[in-house]
């Protein structure tokens, strides 16, 4: 059977990192096996629907390279691929009534007040109090005549799954193995809500079967719901798909990722200067690793290496330090022209003067991990910051404040006579000057770079900086350096 996976997001806002991982794993499982990856929009929770969120889903999948084979915009013959459209076609109600006919589901007319009365406080395994509500099957025992009268009177109702209260249910997960639960814990979950919309759990089962989904990828928070899914499959007589539950993603403090963390969504990370390719690579490793432990992998390599049997059970830590490192590796490999286009907005913000910003980009490409790092590296091109004259001291190059002053005074007239302010020409001139005076090149360059930048470290050397600044600005800064040293 051809492998078919799906990504079924709800349009409720930005795409959480956990949802992106689900999409990525589903995509990799399908593509590794030469199968199909389906996009389905699950918009049955109308209260949580966010305008524009569907566009975010499409854009995120496009930006990450996770191209779907079927979806709302690519009909594969098992649509509609939007659940609200499937509601209008009566698909879910049709299957819910089939379950009623089989005795596997029933109409429930209980009022909100009665349901509230069923709630009770319990103490969980951690000793914490929580409120639970277990439905008591009250409406299961209504006669056919009572049900018909209630329906005819227009009494509000939901349709509930009829789960057994004794015995156990066992299901198999590809990562966690066989899991058995007591049926007394299952509760009769709602399949069709009072507004006629299906619940997430019911719609998933119906749609996954009708769309031929073979492998279901989701977070392990859905492990507890899986026995209910299995009972639905069995009630219909349908084949159960393979379940692949992924581990929780936590922050460095081992807490669940939240919006407050600032990096819980794909869009957050892009806005913080991370590349989509690096994000995809990093997210792939949140709970999985290849047999050879390779860490830097593009999407084709991930497709080739991905084996879902190697997904871990233990929580995956969102390690920001590792993500930054990985992003830096991707930045280093970028085509210089492509890097410049990404870096330009950051350079423009830090440096407003007219200079060769493409050359500035060339200096920083191998020195940053995320794009916002650029500002702190290149801001001196805008203006020299306040600095102490002790910055001229460098033991390695035997530079002191005194000999730095003399060096700058000696070099200044030479640079004034220099017409060609290209890096190569400037370096040749200064190298010649050093040789004639018995200096090492580093002894000449250190004071110059200090006067030009006012910084301990810079991307690029003195001659590269002068080429970008141009002759007038370079001479102006050197003269200012001389004045600072003379007046210390």
Protein backbone atom coordinates (compact mmCIF):
# COMPACT_ATOMS: atom_id res chain seq x y z
CA UNK A 1 0.00 0.00 0.00
CA UNK A 2 1.29 3.45 -0.89
CA UNK A 3 2.30 5.50 2.15
CA UNK A 4 0.02 8.50 2.66
CA UNK A 5 0.54 10.98 5.46
CA UNK A 6 -1.23 14.22 6.26
CA UNK A 7 -0.66 17.51 7.98
CA UNK A 8 -3.95 18.75 9.40
CA UNK A 9 -3.44 22.12 11.09
CA UNK A 10 -6.13 24.29 12.61
CA UNK A 11 -6.07 27.91 11.34
CA UNK A 12 -5.59 29.49 14.76
CA UNK A 13 -2.54 31.73 14.19
CA UNK A 14 1.17 31.31 13.69
CA UNK A 15 2.58 27.81 13.18
CA UNK A 16 3.97 26.47 16.45
CA UNK A 17 7.32 24.68 16.32
CA UNK A 18 5.57 21.49 17.43
CA UNK A 19 3.13 21.72 14.52
CA UNK A 20 6.00 22.38 12.12
CA UNK A 21 7.75 19.26 13.39
CA UNK A 22 4.56 17.23 12.88
CA UNK A 23 4.32 18.53 9.31
CA UNK A 24 8.00 17.85 8.68
CA UNK A 25 7.94 14.29 10.04
CA UNK A 26 4.75 13.50 8.11
CA UNK A 27 6.37 14.90 4.96
CA UNK A 28 9.63 12.98 5.49
CA UNK A 29 7.84 9.68 6.18
CA UNK A 30 5.85 10.03 2.97
CA UNK A 31 8.74 11.17 0.78
CA UNK A 32 11.20 8.62 2.17
CA UNK A 33 8.76 5.90 1.09
CA UNK A 34 7.86 7.57 -2.23
CA UNK A 35 4.38 8.33 -0.92
CA UNK A 36 1.96 11.27 -0.75
CA UNK A 37 1.82 14.16 1.69
CA UNK A 38 -1.65 15.66 2.12
CA UNK A 39 -2.65 19.04 3.53
CA UNK A 40 -6.02 19.19 5.28
CA UNK A 41 -7.37 22.31 6.97
CA UNK A 42 -9.17 21.47 10.22
CA UNK A 43 -11.38 24.50 10.87
CA UNK A 44 -14.20 22.88 12.82
CA UNK A 45 -13.38 24.87 15.96
CA UNK A 46 -14.96 28.10 14.76
CA UNK A 47 -14.33 29.93 18.05
CA UNK A 48 -10.55 29.62 17.64
CA UNK A 49 -10.48 30.46 13.94
CA UNK A 50 -8.09 33.36 13.15
CA UNK A 51 -8.49 35.39 9.96
CA UNK A 52 -5.46 35.00 7.71
CA UNK A 53 -4.20 31.87 9.48
CA UNK A 54 -4.77 29.67 6.43
CA UNK A 55 -2.46 31.96 4.45
CA UNK A 56 0.17 31.52 7.18
CA UNK A 57 -0.11 27.72 6.81
CA UNK A 58 0.44 27.89 3.05
CA UNK A 59 3.32 30.36 3.38
CA UNK A 60 5.07 28.33 6.07
CA UNK A 61 4.87 25.13 4.03
CA UNK A 62 6.20 26.99 0.98
CA UNK A 63 9.04 28.67 2.89
CA UNK A 64 10.12 25.37 4.45
CA UNK A 65 9.90 23.42 1.18
CA UNK A 66 7.24 21.01 2.44
CA UNK A 67 5.26 20.78 -0.76
CA UNK A 68 1.99 18.91 -0.41
CA UNK A 69 0.74 16.50 -3.09
CA UNK A 70 -2.93 17.03 -2.29
CA UNK A 71 -4.84 19.75 -0.49
CA UNK A 72 -7.45 22.47 -0.88
CA UNK A 73 -5.50 23.82 -3.86
CA UNK A 74 -4.54 20.39 -5.27
CA UNK A 75 -7.47 18.04 -5.61
CA UNK A 76 -6.42 14.41 -5.41
CA UNK A 77 -9.93 13.02 -5.62
CA UNK A 78 -10.68 12.64 -1.90
CA UNK A 79 -11.66 16.25 -1.11
CA UNK A 80 -12.88 18.60 0.05
CA UNK A 81 -9.68 19.14 2.05
CA UNK A 82 -11.25 21.75 4.34
CA UNK A 83 -13.32 20.30 7.17
CA UNK A 84 -15.94 23.07 7.23
CA UNK A 85 -16.68 22.22 3.58
CA UNK A 86 -16.97 18.57 4.51
CA UNK A 87 -19.46 19.53 7.23
CA UNK A 88 -21.65 21.21 4.59
CA UNK A 89 -21.64 17.97 2.60
CA UNK A 90 -22.93 16.10 5.66
CA UNK A 91 -19.98 13.69 5.72
CA UNK A 92 -19.52 13.59 9.50
CA UNK A 93 -23.20 13.40 10.36
CA UNK A 94 -23.58 10.52 7.91
CA UNK A 95 -20.89 8.48 9.68
CA UNK A 96 -22.06 9.46 13.15
CA UNK A 97 -25.52 8.12 12.33
CA UNK A 98 -23.94 4.90 11.06
CA UNK A 99 -22.44 4.48 14.53
CA UNK A 100 -25.81 5.19 16.14
CA UNK A 101 -27.37 2.46 14.00
CA UNK A 102 -24.64 0.06 15.17
CA UNK A 103 -25.12 0.99 18.83
CA UNK A 104 -21.63 2.47 18.92
CA UNK A 105 -22.90 6.06 19.43
CA UNK A 106 -26.02 7.77 20.77
CA UNK A 107 -27.86 11.08 20.96
CA UNK A 108 -27.31 13.04 24.18
CA UNK A 109 -29.83 15.76 25.13
CA UNK A 110 -28.39 16.61 28.57
CA UNK A 111 -28.54 20.26 29.55
CA UNK A 112 -25.41 22.24 30.48
CA UNK A 113 -26.70 22.29 34.06
CA UNK A 114 -26.92 18.50 34.25
CA UNK A 115 -23.44 18.10 32.74
CA UNK A 116 -22.08 20.59 35.28
CA UNK A 117 -23.50 18.44 38.08
CA UNK A 118 -21.41 15.47 36.89
CA UNK A 119 -18.12 17.28 37.52
CA UNK A 120 -16.12 16.21 40.52
CA UNK A 121 -12.76 17.03 42.07
CA UNK A 122 -10.08 14.33 42.09
CA UNK A 123 -6.43 14.11 43.08
CA UNK A 124 -4.06 13.04 40.28
CA UNK A 125 -0.91 10.92 40.58
CA UNK A 126 1.12 14.05 41.39
CA UNK A 127 -1.12 14.89 44.32
CA UNK A 128 -2.68 17.86 42.54
CA UNK A 129 -6.41 18.51 42.59
CA UNK A 130 -8.27 18.76 39.31
CA UNK A 131 -11.86 18.78 38.12
CA UNK A 132 -12.99 15.92 35.86
CA UNK A 133 -16.28 15.08 34.24
CA UNK A 134 -17.17 11.50 33.34
CA UNK A 135 -20.46 11.20 31.47
CA UNK A 136 -22.82 8.69 33.08
CA UNK A 137 -24.45 7.38 29.87
CA UNK A 138 -27.78 8.86 30.97
CA UNK A 139 -29.07 9.39 27.41
CA UNK A 140 -27.90 5.97 26.20
CA UNK A 141 -30.97 4.54 27.88
CA UNK A 142 -33.54 6.79 26.18
CA UNK A 143 -36.16 4.92 24.20
CA UNK A 144 -36.46 5.30 20.46
CA UNK A 145 -39.71 7.20 20.99
CA UNK A 146 -38.10 9.62 23.47
CA UNK A 147 -35.24 10.29 21.05
CA UNK A 148 -37.59 10.94 18.13
CA UNK A 149 -39.74 13.26 20.26
CA UNK A 150 -36.70 15.25 21.37
CA UNK A 151 -35.45 15.57 17.80
CA UNK A 152 -38.87 16.58 16.54
CA UNK A 153 -39.11 19.24 19.27
CA UNK A 154 -35.76 20.68 18.17
CA UNK A 155 -34.11 19.94 21.49
CA UNK A 156 -30.33 20.62 21.36
CA UNK A 157 -28.21 17.49 21.29
CA UNK A 158 -24.72 16.11 20.78
CA UNK A 159 -23.76 12.66 19.52
CA UNK A 160 -21.55 10.67 21.88
CA UNK A 161 -19.36 7.62 21.34
CA UNK A 162 -20.61 4.58 23.25
CA UNK A 163 -17.50 3.20 24.94
CA UNK A 164 -17.47 0.14 27.20
CA UNK A 165 -16.97 0.70 30.93
CA UNK A 166 -15.30 -2.63 31.66
CA UNK A 167 -12.29 -4.42 30.25
CA UNK A 168 -9.33 -2.84 28.48
CA UNK A 169 -8.36 -1.42 25.10
CA UNK A 170 -4.88 -1.89 23.63
CA UNK A 171 -3.39 0.07 20.77
CA UNK A 172 0.03 0.04 19.16
CA UNK A 173 2.22 3.07 18.63
CA UNK A 174 5.33 2.81 16.44
CA UNK A 175 7.41 4.70 19.03
CA UNK A 176 5.86 3.76 22.38
CA UNK A 177 4.85 0.20 21.55
CA UNK A 178 1.66 -1.44 22.88
CA UNK A 179 -0.30 0.69 25.32
CA UNK A 180 -3.25 -0.69 27.30
CA UNK A 181 -5.83 1.43 29.09
CA UNK A 182 -8.81 0.57 31.24
CA UNK A 183 -12.05 1.22 29.38
CA UNK A 184 -13.41 2.91 32.51
CA UNK A 185 -11.05 5.81 31.67
CA UNK A 186 -12.31 6.32 28.11
CA UNK A 187 -15.50 8.31 28.75
CA UNK A 188 -18.11 8.72 26.03
CA UNK A 189 -16.51 11.51 24.05
CA UNK A 190 -18.62 13.82 21.91
CA UNK A 191 -18.44 13.08 18.17
CA UNK A 192 -20.86 15.74 16.87
CA UNK A 193 -21.25 19.01 18.80
CA UNK A 194 -24.53 20.84 19.32
CA UNK A 195 -23.69 23.20 16.43
CA UNK A 196 -23.51 20.23 14.05
CA UNK A 197 -19.74 20.40 13.72
CA UNK A 198 -17.66 17.30 14.46
CA UNK A 199 -15.13 17.28 17.27
CA UNK A 200 -11.45 17.19 16.37
CA UNK A 201 -11.17 13.54 17.40
CA UNK A 202 -14.09 12.28 15.32
CA UNK A 203 -13.35 14.31 12.20
CA UNK A 204 -9.76 13.06 12.28
CA UNK A 205 -10.75 9.43 12.20
CA UNK A 206 -13.35 9.85 9.45
CA UNK A 207 -11.13 12.01 7.26
CA UNK A 208 -8.00 9.89 7.73
CA UNK A 209 -9.92 6.80 6.62
CA UNK A 210 -11.64 8.44 3.64
CA UNK A 211 -8.36 10.02 2.51
CA UNK A 212 -6.46 6.74 2.78
CA UNK A 213 -3.99 7.95 5.42
CA UNK A 214 -1.61 5.11 6.36
CA UNK A 215 0.58 6.85 8.97
CA UNK A 216 -0.70 9.37 11.53
CA UNK A 217 1.95 11.66 13.04
CA UNK A 218 1.09 13.76 16.06
CA UNK A 219 2.38 14.92 19.45
CA UNK A 220 2.38 12.52 22.37
CA UNK A 221 -0.24 14.65 24.14
CA UNK A 222 -2.70 12.71 21.95
CA UNK A 223 -1.58 9.31 23.26
CA UNK A 224 -4.42 9.27 25.77
CA UNK A 225 -6.98 9.84 23.00
CA UNK A 226 -5.72 7.01 20.80
CA UNK A 227 -7.79 4.21 22.41
CA UNK A 228 -10.94 6.20 21.54
CA UNK A 229 -9.71 6.53 17.94
CA UNK A 230 -9.08 2.79 17.79
CA UNK A 231 -12.55 1.99 19.05
CA UNK A 232 -13.99 4.20 16.31
CA UNK A 233 -11.95 2.41 13.63
CA UNK A 234 -13.08 -0.94 15.00
CA UNK A 235 -16.71 0.20 15.22
CA UNK A 236 -16.64 1.12 11.52
CA UNK A 237 -14.66 -1.98 10.58
CA UNK A 238 -11.85 0.16 9.17
CA UNK A 239 -8.13 -0.59 9.12
CA UNK A 240 -6.24 1.27 11.85
CA UNK A 241 -3.35 3.43 10.54
CA UNK A 242 0.13 3.35 12.03
CA UNK A 243 0.40 5.79 14.94
CA UNK A 244 3.61 7.78 15.40
CA UNK A 245 3.52 9.95 18.50
CA UNK A 246 6.36 12.46 18.84
CA UNK A 247 7.92 13.55 22.14
CA UNK A 248 7.16 16.84 23.85
CA UNK A 249 9.34 19.84 22.95
CA UNK A 250 10.56 21.81 25.98
CA UNK A 251 12.70 24.88 26.54
CA UNK A 252 16.10 24.76 28.26
CA UNK A 253 14.34 24.78 31.64
CA UNK A 254 12.41 21.65 30.57
CA UNK A 255 9.12 23.54 30.45
CA UNK A 256 6.66 23.29 27.59
CA UNK A 257 7.36 25.84 24.83
CA UNK A 258 5.04 28.81 25.16
CA UNK A 259 4.36 31.97 23.17
CA UNK A 260 6.09 33.92 25.94
CA UNK A 261 9.35 32.16 25.09
CA UNK A 262 9.59 34.22 21.91
CA UNK A 263 10.60 31.27 19.75
CA UNK A 264 7.54 29.07 19.80
CA UNK A 265 6.54 29.62 16.16
CA UNK A 266 8.22 29.43 12.77
CA UNK A 267 7.44 33.11 12.12
CA UNK A 268 9.04 34.09 15.45
CA UNK A 269 12.26 32.40 14.42
CA UNK A 270 12.34 33.94 10.94
CA UNK A 271 11.78 37.38 12.44
CA UNK A 272 14.70 36.74 14.79
CA UNK A 273 17.03 36.19 11.85
CA UNK A 274 16.97 32.43 11.37
CA UNK A 275 16.96 30.90 7.88
CA UNK A 276 14.04 28.58 6.97
CA UNK A 277 16.45 25.82 5.87
CA UNK A 278 18.28 25.97 9.20
CA UNK A 279 14.99 25.95 11.12
CA UNK A 280 13.83 22.84 9.22
CA UNK A 281 17.16 21.09 9.88
CA UNK A 282 17.00 21.99 13.59
CA UNK A 283 13.34 21.00 14.01
CA UNK A 284 14.03 17.62 12.37
CA UNK A 285 16.47 16.88 15.20
CA UNK A 286 13.95 17.72 17.95
CA UNK A 287 13.32 14.12 18.87
CA UNK A 288 15.08 12.30 16.03
CA UNK A 289 18.60 11.70 14.77
CA UNK A 290 20.01 9.72 11.84
CA UNK A 291 22.04 6.57 12.37
CA UNK A 292 25.27 8.35 11.43
CA UNK A 293 24.52 11.28 13.81
CA UNK A 294 25.04 13.82 11.02
CA UNK A 295 23.66 17.20 12.12
CA UNK A 296 23.74 19.52 9.09
CA UNK A 297 21.28 18.14 6.54
CA UNK A 298 19.27 19.79 3.77
CA UNK A 299 15.76 18.60 2.93
CA UNK A 300 16.79 16.00 0.31
CA UNK A 301 19.28 14.54 2.81
CA UNK A 302 16.62 14.46 5.51
CA UNK A 303 14.27 12.61 3.14
CA UNK A 304 16.96 10.04 2.41
CA UNK A 305 17.98 9.48 6.04
CA UNK A 306 14.66 9.78 7.86
CA UNK A 307 13.52 6.63 9.64
CA UNK A 308 10.67 7.26 12.06
CA UNK A 309 11.66 4.23 14.13
CA UNK A 310 14.54 6.37 15.44
CA UNK A 311 12.22 8.98 16.96
CA UNK A 312 12.89 9.28 20.70
CA UNK A 313 10.41 8.85 23.52
CA UNK A 314 12.00 11.39 25.86
CA UNK A 315 11.24 15.14 25.59
CA UNK A 316 13.28 17.14 23.08
CA UNK A 317 14.96 20.31 24.34
CA UNK A 318 14.78 23.42 22.19
CA UNK A 319 18.46 24.36 22.46
CA UNK A 320 18.77 27.97 21.25
CA UNK A 321 22.58 27.80 21.31
CA UNK A 322 22.53 24.84 18.94
CA UNK A 323 20.01 26.53 16.65
CA UNK A 324 22.21 29.64 16.45
CA UNK A 325 25.25 27.53 15.64
CA UNK A 326 23.35 25.63 12.98
CA UNK A 327 22.01 28.86 11.47
CA UNK A 328 25.56 30.21 11.34
CA UNK A 329 26.66 27.14 9.39
CA UNK A 330 23.86 27.69 6.87
CA UNK A 331 24.74 31.38 6.57
CA UNK A 332 28.39 30.51 5.79
CA UNK A 333 27.23 28.26 2.93
CA UNK A 334 24.93 30.86 1.37
CA UNK A 335 25.64 32.29 -2.07
CA UNK A 336 27.16 35.76 -1.38
CA UNK A 337 24.54 37.51 -3.50
CA UNK A 338 21.70 35.72 -1.68
CA UNK A 339 23.30 36.51 1.66
CA UNK A 340 23.55 40.18 0.75
CA UNK A 341 19.83 40.33 -0.03
CA UNK A 342 19.02 38.84 3.39
CA UNK A 343 21.60 40.96 5.22
CA UNK A 344 20.91 44.29 3.49
CA UNK A 345 17.96 45.38 5.69
CA UNK A 346 20.08 44.83 8.81
CA UNK A 347 23.08 46.66 7.33
CA UNK A 348 20.89 49.54 6.10
CA UNK A 349 19.51 49.98 9.59
CA UNK A 350 22.96 50.08 11.21
CA UNK A 351 24.80 52.03 8.49
CA UNK A 352 22.99 54.91 6.80
CA UNK A 353 26.05 56.48 5.13
CA UNK A 354 26.68 55.95 1.44
CA UNK A 355 29.22 53.13 1.13
CA UNK A 356 29.62 49.74 -0.48
CA UNK A 357 27.27 47.68 1.68
CA UNK A 358 27.74 44.56 -0.40
CA UNK A 359 31.39 44.57 0.69
CA UNK A 360 30.26 45.00 4.30
CA UNK A 361 28.06 41.92 3.84
CA UNK A 362 31.08 40.02 2.54
CA UNK A 363 32.99 40.84 5.72
CA UNK A 364 30.29 39.61 8.12
CA UNK A 365 28.95 36.50 6.34
CA UNK A 366 31.32 34.09 8.08
CA UNK A 367 31.13 35.91 11.41
CA UNK A 368 27.43 35.84 12.34
CA UNK A 369 25.00 33.20 13.58
CA UNK A 370 21.80 35.18 13.14
CA UNK A 371 21.15 38.29 11.07
CA UNK A 372 20.56 40.66 14.01
CA UNK A 373 24.22 40.02 14.97
CA UNK A 374 25.15 42.23 12.02
CA UNK A 375 24.34 45.53 13.73
CA UNK A 376 26.91 45.11 16.50
CA UNK A 377 29.60 44.17 14.01
CA UNK A 378 29.13 46.95 11.45
CA UNK A 379 27.81 49.96 13.41
CA UNK A 380 31.29 51.53 13.42
CA UNK A 381 30.94 52.13 9.67
CA UNK A 382 28.28 54.68 10.60
CA UNK A 383 30.44 56.41 13.16
CA UNK A 384 33.35 55.62 15.46
CA UNK A 385 32.11 54.90 18.98
CA UNK A 386 33.71 56.49 22.03
CA UNK A 387 36.77 54.45 22.96
CA UNK A 388 39.74 54.54 25.33
CA UNK A 389 43.26 55.05 23.97
CA UNK A 390 44.26 51.82 25.72
CA UNK A 391 42.63 50.11 22.72
CA UNK A 392 45.80 50.93 20.77
CA UNK A 393 47.84 48.70 23.05
CA UNK A 394 48.50 45.23 21.60
CA UNK A 395 51.22 43.03 23.03
CA UNK A 396 51.30 40.60 20.12
CA UNK A 397 52.06 43.37 17.63
CA UNK A 398 54.14 45.32 20.19
CA UNK A 399 51.85 48.32 19.86
CA UNK A 400 51.74 50.99 22.57
CA UNK A 401 49.84 54.26 22.71
CA UNK A 402 53.10 56.11 22.01
CA UNK A 403 54.31 54.15 18.97
CA UNK A 404 50.73 53.96 17.64
CA UNK A 405 50.65 57.76 17.58
CA UNK A 406 53.94 57.92 15.71
CA UNK A 407 52.79 55.24 13.29
CA UNK A 408 49.56 57.06 12.44
CA UNK A 409 51.44 60.33 11.91
CA UNK A 410 53.89 58.57 9.57
CA UNK A 411 51.19 56.77 7.56
CA UNK A 412 48.77 59.69 7.22
CA UNK A 413 50.67 61.60 4.48
CA UNK A 414 51.24 58.38 2.54
CA UNK A 415 47.51 57.67 2.57
CA UNK A 416 46.75 61.27 1.58
CA UNK A 417 48.89 60.75 -1.53
CA UNK A 418 47.22 57.40 -2.29
CA UNK A 419 44.71 57.69 -5.13
CA UNK A 420 43.72 54.03 -5.40
CA UNK A 421 41.76 53.24 -2.23
CA UNK A 422 40.98 49.66 -3.14
CA UNK A 423 41.85 46.99 -0.58
CA UNK A 424 44.63 45.44 -2.66
CA UNK A 425 46.29 48.77 -3.50
CA UNK A 426 46.13 49.98 0.11
CA UNK A 427 47.52 46.71 1.44
CA UNK A 428 50.41 46.81 -1.07
CA UNK A 429 51.25 50.40 -0.06
CA UNK A 430 51.18 49.68 3.67
CA UNK A 431 53.11 46.42 3.29
CA UNK A 432 55.80 48.32 1.38
CA UNK A 433 55.86 51.00 4.10
CA UNK A 434 56.29 48.31 6.77
CA UNK A 435 59.14 46.65 4.88
CA UNK A 436 60.97 49.94 4.32
CA UNK A 437 60.78 50.76 8.03
CA UNK A 438 61.50 47.28 9.36
CA UNK A 439 58.00 46.87 10.80
CA UNK A 440 55.79 43.81 10.83
CA UNK A 441 52.55 44.31 8.90
CA UNK A 442 50.49 43.74 12.07
CA UNK A 443 52.30 46.62 13.79
CA UNK A 444 51.15 48.96 10.99
CA UNK A 445 47.60 47.66 10.71
CA UNK A 446 46.60 47.55 14.39
CA UNK A 447 46.69 51.31 15.09
CA UNK A 448 45.04 52.04 11.75
CA UNK A 449 42.19 49.61 12.36
CA UNK A 450 41.71 51.00 15.87
CA UNK A 451 41.49 54.58 14.62
CA UNK A 452 39.12 53.59 11.81
CA UNK A 453 36.75 51.52 13.97
CA UNK A 454 37.21 52.34 17.65
CA UNK A 455 36.72 48.62 18.32
CA UNK A 456 38.79 45.76 19.70
CA UNK A 457 37.66 43.42 16.93
CA UNK A 458 36.15 44.09 13.52
CA UNK A 459 35.00 42.09 10.51
CA UNK A 460 37.82 42.74 8.08
CA UNK A 461 41.17 44.44 8.43
CA UNK A 462 42.25 48.07 8.17
CA UNK A 463 42.57 48.16 4.39
CA UNK A 464 39.19 46.46 3.86
CA UNK A 465 37.60 49.01 6.17
CA UNK A 466 39.28 51.92 4.35
CA UNK A 467 38.10 50.63 0.98
CA UNK A 468 34.49 50.65 2.23
CA UNK A 469 34.72 53.99 4.05
CA UNK A 470 36.46 55.73 1.17
CA UNK A 471 39.44 58.08 1.28
CA UNK A 472 37.86 61.17 2.85
CA UNK A 473 36.18 59.36 5.75
CA UNK A 474 39.24 57.15 6.37
CA UNK A 475 41.60 60.14 6.60
CA UNK A 476 39.14 61.95 8.83
CA UNK A 477 39.05 59.03 11.28
CA UNK A 478 42.84 58.62 11.30
CA UNK A 479 43.26 62.32 12.05
CA UNK A 480 40.73 62.00 14.86
CA UNK A 481 42.74 59.05 16.23
CA UNK A 482 45.91 61.09 16.20
CA UNK A 483 44.16 63.92 18.06
CA UNK A 484 42.78 61.48 20.65
CA UNK A 485 46.23 60.03 21.32
CA UNK A 486 47.84 63.47 21.50
CA UNK A 487 45.29 64.72 24.01
CA UNK A 488 45.01 61.66 26.25
